[in-house]
Amino acid sequence: MFDSFAKNFPRRAALAMAAAMLVSGCSTIGPDFVAPKGAQETAFRHAAVSTDAAPLNAADTARLPANWWTVFNDATLSELEARALRDSPGAKAAGQRLLQAQAQLGVVRAGQAPNVSVNAGVSNSRTSAETAQGLALGGRSIEGNNYTVGASLSYELDIWGRVRRIVEAADAQALAAQDDRDAVLLMLTGQVAQSYWQLRGLDAEQAILVDALGARREAQELIEARFNAGLSNELDVSRARIERANAEADLHEVQRQRNAVEHALATLVGVSPSTPLVASAAKTALPLPPSIPVGLPASLLSQRPDLAASVANLKAA
């Protein structure tokens, strides 16, 4: 009877493993994730109909490029963006969170592989010469070394798909961390570009106010000269002085705003607020904004990394 059992054991073991694999392939814990889909409109509700608009191709609906600010062709802006991505504390923190999620994914995936453990040990023993064994050997002590080596192999059969679901959740969490990182970088680069163009706009406004202040000074000097010659009255002189003072106040306010914006830009770039970043330009030629292609609302929303992170977190849950 024992010989018959031993003879049929390999076949029974193979059948049991085949049945386990079949059950694993057919039964899985929980349903497969399906990303939610919202209603997609064919056009903006209040958009003007353009008869000469060309249809969108794959390049127009592609994901926003990482270095989107290069469309402005501004070397100073590109340098500020590069410094922000390299030195900003927010960008560094988002990158570290992504590395943490990827490392956790690697740990979870390692659970799918067989677990092999090896252990080794050595011990030394010595028996006193005063014992019966030592006296029998002529008063000699007994000493020896014991060496042990062991190994074990274990593997969890994912019959019900538990490990598979854990790996899928960890993978989704890593994707969510990547999308969160992209959202942080997109917000950071957007704020840097906005602050930079605000600086350039204030420079242009400051140049106009400097010219206006010069004109007010000349007008005041002319009216005071007319007053000294008896050709004008004190009211005209007072009005000219007030207009000059107002022009000086407007110029000081623009300079204050520029300092505040430059300090905020320095914080975004990751340097001290007292660090000068962008020199004030006397005459700044602001470029025209790039043209925005006509697209679908859904195609625009699909490029938002924060929405992609929400979908990934939903999958991880």
Protein backbone atom coordinates (compact mmCIF):
# COMPACT_ATOMS: atom_id res chain seq x y z
CA MET A 1 0.00 0.00 0.00
CA PHE A 2 2.84 2.35 0.84
CA ASP A 3 4.60 1.52 -2.41
CA SER A 4 1.44 2.35 -4.34
CA PHE A 5 1.09 5.72 -2.58
CA ALA A 6 4.73 6.57 -3.21
CA LYS A 7 4.38 5.59 -6.84
CA ASN A 8 1.32 7.81 -7.41
CA PHE A 9 2.49 10.76 -5.30
CA PRO A 10 4.27 12.70 -8.12
CA ARG A 11 1.21 12.48 -10.33
CA ARG A 12 -1.10 13.58 -7.52
CA ALA A 13 1.18 16.48 -6.66
CA ALA A 14 1.26 17.60 -10.29
CA LEU A 15 -2.54 17.43 -10.50
CA ALA A 16 -2.86 19.44 -7.28
CA MET A 17 -0.53 22.15 -8.57
CA ALA A 18 -2.35 22.29 -11.91
CA ALA A 19 -5.67 22.66 -10.10
CA ALA A 20 -4.26 25.42 -7.92
CA MET A 21 -2.98 27.29 -10.97
CA LEU A 22 -6.34 26.88 -12.69
CA VAL A 23 -8.17 28.27 -9.66
CA SER A 24 -5.67 31.13 -9.46
CA GLY A 25 -6.33 32.04 -13.07
CA CYS A 26 -10.10 31.92 -12.72
CA SER A 27 -10.66 33.50 -9.30
CA THR A 28 -9.26 36.84 -8.14
CA ILE A 29 -10.05 38.91 -5.09
CA GLY A 30 -12.11 41.93 -6.08
CA PRO A 31 -13.10 43.22 -9.53
CA ASP A 32 -10.65 44.68 -12.03
CA PHE A 33 -10.30 48.45 -11.88
CA VAL A 34 -12.07 50.47 -14.54
CA ALA A 35 -11.19 54.17 -14.77
CA PRO A 36 -14.25 56.44 -14.49
CA LYS A 37 -15.31 58.18 -17.66
CA GLY A 38 -17.18 61.46 -17.67
CA ALA A 39 -19.35 62.89 -20.36
CA GLN A 40 -17.27 64.44 -23.13
CA GLU A 41 -18.62 67.44 -24.95
CA THR A 42 -17.79 68.00 -28.59
CA ALA A 43 -17.17 71.72 -28.06
CA PHE A 44 -17.22 74.45 -25.44
CA ARG A 45 -20.73 75.57 -24.61
CA HIS A 46 -20.29 79.28 -25.36
CA ALA A 47 -17.39 79.02 -27.81
CA ALA A 48 -17.60 80.94 -31.05
CA VAL A 49 -17.83 78.70 -34.08
CA SER A 50 -14.79 79.04 -36.33
CA THR A 51 -15.22 77.94 -39.92
CA ASP A 52 -11.53 78.14 -40.83
CA ALA A 53 -10.18 76.17 -37.84
CA ALA A 54 -8.13 73.15 -38.83
CA PRO A 55 -8.94 69.80 -37.20
CA LEU A 56 -6.76 68.68 -34.34
CA ASN A 57 -4.12 66.06 -34.93
CA ALA A 58 -2.28 63.82 -32.47
CA ALA A 59 0.42 66.43 -31.85
CA ASP A 60 -2.14 69.06 -30.81
CA THR A 61 -3.76 66.79 -28.21
CA ALA A 62 -0.52 65.35 -26.84
CA ARG A 63 0.47 65.83 -23.22
CA LEU A 64 1.89 69.20 -22.31
CA PRO A 65 5.69 69.10 -22.81
CA ALA A 66 7.82 69.26 -19.69
CA ASN A 67 9.66 72.38 -20.88
CA TRP A 68 6.58 74.24 -22.07
CA TRP A 69 8.08 77.64 -21.22
CA THR A 70 10.48 77.38 -24.18
CA VAL A 71 7.66 78.59 -26.45
CA PHE A 72 8.45 82.12 -25.20
CA ASN A 73 12.07 81.90 -26.47
CA ASP A 74 13.33 83.77 -23.42
CA ALA A 75 16.77 82.74 -22.14
CA THR A 76 16.30 84.37 -18.73
CA LEU A 77 13.00 82.59 -18.15
CA SER A 78 14.51 79.24 -19.19
CA GLU A 79 17.38 79.75 -16.74
CA LEU A 80 14.99 80.58 -13.90
CA GLU A 81 12.88 77.51 -14.65
CA ALA A 82 15.95 75.27 -14.66
CA ARG A 83 17.10 76.68 -11.31
CA ALA A 84 13.65 76.21 -9.81
CA LEU A 85 13.45 72.58 -10.91
CA ARG A 86 16.94 71.94 -9.53
CA ASP A 87 16.95 73.90 -6.26
CA SER A 88 13.33 74.40 -5.18
CA PRO A 89 12.56 72.62 -1.87
CA GLY A 90 9.08 71.72 -3.13
CA ALA A 91 10.48 70.00 -6.23
CA LYS A 92 13.03 68.09 -4.13
CA ALA A 93 10.36 66.93 -1.67
CA ALA A 94 8.09 65.73 -4.49
CA GLY A 95 10.99 63.81 -6.03
CA GLN A 96 11.79 62.11 -2.72
CA ARG A 97 8.15 61.07 -2.27
CA LEU A 98 8.25 59.51 -5.73
CA LEU A 99 11.43 57.58 -4.89
CA GLN A 100 9.81 56.36 -1.67
CA ALA A 101 6.74 55.08 -3.54
CA GLN A 102 8.90 53.36 -6.16
CA ALA A 103 10.98 51.69 -3.44
CA GLN A 104 7.81 50.45 -1.74
CA LEU A 105 6.64 49.04 -5.07
CA GLY A 106 9.92 47.14 -5.39
CA VAL A 107 9.46 45.67 -1.91
CA VAL A 108 5.92 44.55 -2.70
CA ARG A 109 6.92 43.03 -6.04
CA ALA A 110 9.66 41.07 -4.30
CA GLY A 111 6.91 39.22 -2.43
CA GLN A 112 5.92 37.50 -5.69
CA ALA A 113 9.31 35.81 -5.97
CA PRO A 114 10.40 32.72 -4.01
CA ASN A 115 11.90 33.50 -0.62
CA VAL A 116 15.29 31.88 -0.10
CA SER A 117 17.02 32.07 3.27
CA VAL A 118 20.42 30.67 4.20
CA ASN A 119 21.88 30.48 7.68
CA ALA A 120 25.21 29.31 8.99
CA GLY A 121 26.72 29.01 12.42
CA VAL A 122 29.74 27.83 14.32
CA SER A 123 30.14 26.93 17.98
CA ASN A 124 33.06 25.83 20.14
CA SER A 125 32.75 23.35 23.02
CA ARG A 126 35.28 22.26 25.61
CA THR A 127 34.99 19.65 28.34
CA SER A 128 36.98 19.99 31.56
CA ALA A 129 39.77 17.49 32.24
CA GLU A 130 38.26 16.81 35.70
CA THR A 131 35.19 15.12 34.26
CA ALA A 132 34.86 11.37 33.86
CA GLN A 133 35.55 11.62 30.14
CA GLY A 134 38.65 13.74 30.77
CA LEU A 135 39.99 11.35 33.42
CA ALA A 136 39.39 8.41 31.11
CA LEU A 137 41.57 10.15 28.52
CA GLY A 138 44.39 10.64 30.98
CA GLY A 139 43.37 14.01 32.37
CA ARG A 140 42.93 15.74 29.03
CA SER A 141 40.13 18.13 28.14
CA ILE A 142 37.89 17.57 25.14
CA GLU A 143 37.54 20.52 22.70
CA GLY A 144 35.84 20.74 19.33
CA ASN A 145 34.08 23.03 16.82
CA ASN A 146 30.55 22.49 15.54
CA TYR A 147 29.60 23.89 12.11
CA THR A 148 26.00 24.18 10.95
CA VAL A 149 24.62 25.24 7.58
CA GLY A 150 20.94 25.48 6.72
CA ALA A 151 18.78 26.73 3.87
CA SER A 152 15.06 27.12 3.27
CA LEU A 153 12.91 27.92 0.26
CA SER A 154 9.35 29.22 0.49
CA TYR A 155 6.88 30.45 -2.11
CA GLU A 156 3.35 31.72 -1.62
CA LEU A 157 0.89 30.40 -4.18
CA ASP A 158 -1.27 33.37 -5.10
CA ILE A 159 -4.38 31.23 -5.51
CA TRP A 160 -6.95 33.98 -4.94
CA GLY A 161 -4.93 36.87 -6.36
CA ARG A 162 -4.25 38.56 -3.03
CA VAL A 163 -0.60 39.28 -3.79
CA ARG A 164 -1.52 40.39 -7.29
CA ARG A 165 -3.95 42.97 -5.93
CA ILE A 166 -1.36 44.22 -3.44
CA VAL A 167 1.13 44.71 -6.27
CA GLU A 168 -1.50 46.52 -8.35
CA ALA A 169 -2.26 48.84 -5.44
CA ALA A 170 1.44 49.59 -4.88
CA ASP A 171 1.88 50.21 -8.60
CA ALA A 172 -1.06 52.64 -8.56
CA GLN A 173 0.41 54.43 -5.54
CA ALA A 174 3.71 54.83 -7.40
CA LEU A 175 1.86 56.25 -10.40
CA ALA A 176 -0.05 58.62 -8.10
CA ALA A 177 3.23 59.80 -6.57
CA GLN A 178 4.60 60.42 -10.06
CA ASP A 179 1.51 62.39 -11.05
CA ASP A 180 1.71 64.36 -7.80
CA ARG A 181 5.33 65.16 -8.60
CA ASP A 182 4.33 66.30 -12.09
CA ALA A 183 1.57 68.47 -10.61
CA VAL A 184 4.03 70.11 -8.21
CA LEU A 185 6.50 70.77 -11.03
CA LEU A 186 3.77 72.12 -13.30
CA MET A 187 2.52 74.48 -10.58
CA LEU A 188 6.08 75.53 -9.74
CA THR A 189 7.07 76.29 -13.33
CA GLY A 190 3.78 78.10 -13.88
CA GLN A 191 4.34 80.32 -10.85
CA VAL A 192 7.91 81.05 -11.94
CA ALA A 193 6.75 82.06 -15.42
CA GLN A 194 3.91 84.17 -14.02
CA SER A 195 6.24 85.97 -11.60
CA TYR A 196 8.81 86.55 -14.33
CA TRP A 197 6.34 88.10 -16.75
CA GLN A 198 4.88 90.15 -13.93
CA LEU A 199 8.38 91.50 -13.31
CA ARG A 200 8.75 92.37 -16.97
CA GLY A 201 5.37 94.08 -16.97
CA LEU A 202 6.34 96.13 -13.92
CA ASP A 203 9.59 97.08 -15.67
CA ALA A 204 7.61 98.38 -18.63
CA GLU A 205 5.27 100.28 -16.30
CA GLN A 206 8.23 101.67 -14.38
CA ALA A 207 9.80 102.97 -17.60
CA ILE A 208 6.57 104.79 -18.46
CA LEU A 209 6.35 106.30 -14.97
CA VAL A 210 9.98 107.47 -15.11
CA ASP A 211 9.22 109.35 -18.33
CA ALA A 212 6.02 110.74 -16.79
CA LEU A 213 7.92 111.91 -13.71
CA GLY A 214 10.46 113.69 -15.91
CA ALA A 215 7.65 115.46 -17.74
CA ARG A 216 6.05 116.51 -14.42
CA ARG A 217 9.36 117.94 -13.20
CA GLU A 218 9.82 119.96 -16.37
CA ALA A 219 6.25 121.23 -16.12
CA GLN A 220 6.79 122.23 -12.49
CA GLU A 221 10.00 124.07 -13.32
CA LEU A 222 8.28 125.90 -16.18
CA ILE A 223 5.30 126.94 -14.04
CA GLU A 224 7.56 128.09 -11.19
CA ALA A 225 9.56 130.16 -13.67
CA ARG A 226 6.33 131.71 -14.97
CA PHE A 227 5.26 132.39 -11.36
CA ASN A 228 8.55 134.12 -10.61
CA ALA A 229 8.04 136.22 -13.73
CA GLY A 230 4.53 137.14 -12.62
CA LEU A 231 2.88 135.19 -15.43
CA SER A 232 1.23 132.53 -13.24
CA ASN A 233 -0.44 132.23 -9.84
CA GLU A 234 0.13 130.08 -6.75
CA LEU A 235 -2.70 127.71 -7.68
CA ASP A 236 -0.88 126.63 -10.83
CA VAL A 237 2.33 126.12 -8.85
CA SER A 238 0.55 124.03 -6.20
CA ARG A 239 -1.16 121.94 -8.87
CA ALA A 240 2.18 121.26 -10.61
CA ARG A 241 3.83 120.23 -7.33
CA ILE A 242 0.95 117.88 -6.48
CA GLU A 243 1.11 116.25 -9.91
CA ARG A 244 4.86 115.71 -9.52
CA ALA A 245 4.38 114.23 -6.04
CA ASN A 246 1.69 111.88 -7.38
CA ALA A 247 4.03 110.74 -10.17
CA GLU A 248 6.78 110.04 -7.61
CA ALA A 249 4.34 108.09 -5.43
CA ASP A 250 3.20 106.01 -8.41
CA LEU A 251 6.82 105.22 -9.29
CA HIS A 252 7.66 104.22 -5.71
CA GLU A 253 4.60 101.95 -5.59
CA VAL A 254 5.64 100.14 -8.77
CA GLN A 255 9.17 99.73 -7.41
CA ARG A 256 7.75 98.29 -4.19
CA GLN A 257 5.62 95.83 -6.14
CA ARG A 258 8.60 94.79 -8.22
CA ASN A 259 10.70 94.12 -5.11
CA ALA A 260 7.91 91.98 -3.65
CA VAL A 261 7.51 89.97 -6.86
CA GLU A 262 11.27 89.46 -7.17
CA HIS A 263 11.43 88.24 -3.55
CA ALA A 264 8.63 85.76 -4.27
CA LEU A 265 10.43 84.61 -7.41
CA ALA A 266 13.62 84.05 -5.41
CA THR A 267 11.69 81.86 -2.98
CA LEU A 268 10.32 79.80 -5.88
CA VAL A 269 13.79 79.39 -7.36
CA GLY A 270 15.17 78.27 -3.99
CA VAL A 271 17.52 81.15 -3.13
CA SER A 272 17.49 83.90 -0.54
CA PRO A 273 14.95 86.69 -1.19
CA SER A 274 17.80 89.19 -1.04
CA THR A 275 19.46 87.57 -4.07
CA PRO A 276 19.01 89.69 -7.23
CA LEU A 277 17.60 87.55 -10.03
CA VAL A 278 16.35 89.75 -12.85
CA ALA A 279 17.88 93.13 -13.56
CA SER A 280 15.44 95.94 -14.11
CA ALA A 281 15.16 96.71 -17.81
CA ALA A 282 14.57 100.27 -18.97
CA LYS A 283 12.61 99.18 -22.03
CA THR A 284 11.12 95.71 -22.07
CA ALA A 285 9.58 94.27 -25.22
CA LEU A 286 6.99 91.79 -24.01
CA PRO A 287 6.45 88.93 -26.48
CA LEU A 288 3.02 87.98 -27.67
CA PRO A 289 1.52 84.92 -25.94
CA PRO A 290 1.56 81.72 -28.00
CA SER A 291 -1.59 80.86 -29.89
CA ILE A 292 -3.88 78.34 -28.21
CA PRO A 293 -5.20 75.67 -30.59
CA VAL A 294 -8.90 74.92 -30.68
CA GLY A 295 -9.44 71.68 -28.75
CA LEU A 296 -11.95 69.63 -26.84
CA PRO A 297 -12.60 70.37 -23.15
CA ALA A 298 -12.00 66.72 -22.25
CA SER A 299 -8.65 66.66 -24.05
CA LEU A 300 -7.52 69.68 -22.03
CA LEU A 301 -8.58 68.17 -18.71
CA SER A 302 -6.90 64.85 -19.47
CA GLN A 303 -3.52 66.61 -19.39
CA ARG A 304 -3.89 67.68 -15.76
CA PRO A 305 -1.57 65.57 -13.56
CA ASP A 306 -3.70 66.17 -10.47
CA LEU A 307 -6.65 64.42 -12.14
CA ALA A 308 -4.38 61.55 -13.18
CA ALA A 309 -3.20 61.29 -9.56
CA SER A 310 -6.82 61.13 -8.36
CA VAL A 311 -7.53 58.24 -10.73
CA ALA A 312 -4.38 56.43 -9.58
CA ASN A 313 -5.32 56.91 -5.90
CA LEU A 314 -8.79 55.56 -6.67
CA LYS A 315 -7.20 52.49 -8.24
CA ALA A 316 -4.89 52.02 -5.25
CA ALA A 317 -7.87 52.11 -2.90
